Amino acid sequence: MFTEKLKEATLANHQQTEKILVGKMKSMRSMQDYIDILTSFYGYFGGLENR
C-alpha cells in the first residue's frame, strides 16, 4: 500500500525530528523556551491548517 511505503520512506526523518523535539522539550528552562517551541509548532501546523 502507498501509506506503508510512505511510512517506510520517511521513518528516518520522523525519528530524527522526534529526537530533536524531545531534546528541545527536555531542555526547556524558561517561559521563553516554551514560547519558542510553541512558535515553532505554530510555524509548521499553522501553515497546514490554512491549507
N, C-alpha and C. Protein backbone atom coordinates (compact mmCIF):
# COMPACT_ATOMS: atom_id res chain seq x y z
N MET A 1 0.82 -1.18 0.00
CA MET A 1 0.00 0.00 0.00
C MET A 1 0.87 1.25 0.00
N PHE A 2 0.31 2.30 -0.50
CA PHE A 2 1.02 3.57 -0.57
C PHE A 2 1.41 4.08 0.82
N THR A 3 0.47 3.99 1.77
CA THR A 3 0.76 4.53 3.10
C THR A 3 1.90 3.79 3.78
N GLU A 4 1.98 2.50 3.59
CA GLU A 4 3.08 1.73 4.18
C GLU A 4 4.42 2.12 3.56
N LYS A 5 4.43 2.31 2.25
CA LYS A 5 5.66 2.73 1.57
C LYS A 5 6.08 4.12 2.02
N LEU A 6 5.11 5.00 2.21
CA LEU A 6 5.38 6.35 2.68
C LEU A 6 5.97 6.33 4.08
N LYS A 7 5.40 5.51 4.96
CA LYS A 7 5.91 5.39 6.32
C LYS A 7 7.35 4.88 6.32
N GLU A 8 7.62 3.88 5.51
CA GLU A 8 8.96 3.33 5.42
C GLU A 8 9.95 4.36 4.89
N ALA A 9 9.54 5.10 3.87
CA ALA A 9 10.43 6.06 3.22
C ALA A 9 10.75 7.26 4.12
N THR A 10 9.86 7.58 5.04
CA THR A 10 10.04 8.77 5.87
C THR A 10 10.38 8.45 7.32
N LEU A 11 10.56 7.18 7.64
CA LEU A 11 10.81 6.77 9.02
C LEU A 11 12.02 7.47 9.62
N ALA A 12 13.13 7.49 8.93
CA ALA A 12 14.34 8.10 9.47
C ALA A 12 14.14 9.60 9.73
N ASN A 13 13.43 10.26 8.83
CA ASN A 13 13.16 11.69 9.02
C ASN A 13 12.29 11.93 10.26
N HIS A 14 11.28 11.10 10.44
CA HIS A 14 10.41 11.24 11.60
C HIS A 14 11.17 10.99 12.90
N GLN A 15 12.02 9.99 12.89
CA GLN A 15 12.80 9.68 14.09
C GLN A 15 13.77 10.81 14.43
N GLN A 16 14.40 11.37 13.41
CA GLN A 16 15.34 12.47 13.63
C GLN A 16 14.60 13.71 14.16
N THR A 17 13.46 14.01 13.59
CA THR A 17 12.67 15.16 14.04
C THR A 17 12.21 14.97 15.48
N GLU A 18 11.74 13.78 15.78
CA GLU A 18 11.28 13.50 17.14
C GLU A 18 12.42 13.63 18.14
N LYS A 19 13.59 13.15 17.79
CA LYS A 19 14.75 13.24 18.67
C LYS A 19 15.10 14.70 18.95
N ILE A 20 15.05 15.54 17.93
CA ILE A 20 15.36 16.96 18.10
C ILE A 20 14.32 17.62 19.00
N LEU A 21 13.03 17.33 18.73
CA LEU A 21 11.97 17.95 19.52
C LEU A 21 12.01 17.51 20.98
N VAL A 22 12.23 16.25 21.21
CA VAL A 22 12.30 15.75 22.60
C VAL A 22 13.46 16.43 23.32
N GLY A 23 14.58 16.57 22.65
CA GLY A 23 15.73 17.25 23.25
C GLY A 23 15.41 18.69 23.61
N LYS A 24 14.74 19.39 22.71
CA LYS A 24 14.36 20.78 22.99
C LYS A 24 13.37 20.87 24.14
N MET A 25 12.43 19.94 24.18
CA MET A 25 11.43 19.97 25.24
C MET A 25 12.07 19.66 26.60
N LYS A 26 13.02 18.75 26.63
CA LYS A 26 13.69 18.41 27.89
C LYS A 26 14.60 19.53 28.37
N SER A 27 15.07 20.35 27.45
CA SER A 27 15.99 21.42 27.83
C SER A 27 15.29 22.74 28.16
N MET A 28 13.96 22.75 28.13
CA MET A 28 13.23 23.97 28.46
C MET A 28 13.53 24.38 29.89
N ARG A 29 13.91 25.65 30.06
CA ARG A 29 14.22 26.15 31.39
C ARG A 29 13.49 27.46 31.70
N SER A 30 12.82 27.98 30.71
CA SER A 30 12.17 29.28 30.93
C SER A 30 10.88 29.36 30.12
N MET A 31 10.12 30.38 30.43
CA MET A 31 8.90 30.64 29.68
C MET A 31 9.24 30.94 28.22
N GLN A 32 10.36 31.63 28.00
CA GLN A 32 10.75 31.95 26.62
C GLN A 32 11.09 30.69 25.83
N ASP A 33 11.71 29.72 26.48
CA ASP A 33 11.98 28.44 25.81
C ASP A 33 10.67 27.79 25.36
N TYR A 34 9.67 27.83 26.23
CA TYR A 34 8.35 27.25 25.93
C TYR A 34 7.69 28.02 24.77
N ILE A 35 7.77 29.32 24.82
CA ILE A 35 7.21 30.16 23.76
C ILE A 35 7.88 29.84 22.43
N ASP A 36 9.20 29.66 22.46
CA ASP A 36 9.94 29.36 21.22
C ASP A 36 9.48 28.04 20.60
N ILE A 37 9.25 27.03 21.43
CA ILE A 37 8.77 25.74 20.92
C ILE A 37 7.36 25.88 20.34
N LEU A 38 6.49 26.57 21.07
CA LEU A 38 5.13 26.77 20.56
C LEU A 38 5.15 27.55 19.25
N THR A 39 6.04 28.52 19.14
CA THR A 39 6.16 29.30 17.91
C THR A 39 6.60 28.40 16.75
N SER A 40 7.52 27.49 17.03
CA SER A 40 7.96 26.54 16.00
C SER A 40 6.80 25.65 15.55
N PHE A 41 6.04 25.14 16.52
CA PHE A 41 4.89 24.30 16.19
C PHE A 41 3.88 25.08 15.35
N TYR A 42 3.62 26.32 15.75
CA TYR A 42 2.66 27.13 15.01
C TYR A 42 3.16 27.40 13.59
N GLY A 43 4.46 27.62 13.45
CA GLY A 43 5.02 27.86 12.12
C GLY A 43 4.77 26.68 11.19
N TYR A 44 4.77 25.50 11.74
CA TYR A 44 4.52 24.30 10.94
C TYR A 44 3.02 24.03 10.78
N PHE A 45 2.34 23.88 11.92
CA PHE A 45 0.93 23.49 11.87
C PHE A 45 0.02 24.61 11.40
N GLY A 46 0.40 25.86 11.67
CA GLY A 46 -0.41 26.99 11.22
C GLY A 46 -0.55 27.01 9.71
N GLY A 47 0.55 26.75 9.02
CA GLY A 47 0.52 26.70 7.57
C GLY A 47 -0.34 25.55 7.05
N LEU A 48 -0.27 24.42 7.71
CA LEU A 48 -1.09 23.27 7.31
C LEU A 48 -2.57 23.55 7.52
N GLU A 49 -2.90 24.18 8.64
CA GLU A 49 -4.30 24.48 8.91
C GLU A 49 -4.88 25.44 7.88
N ASN A 50 -4.07 26.39 7.44
CA ASN A 50 -4.53 27.35 6.45
C ASN A 50 -4.85 26.67 5.11
N ARG A 51 -4.15 25.60 4.81
CA ARG A 51 -4.39 24.89 3.56
C ARG A 51 -5.61 24.03 3.68
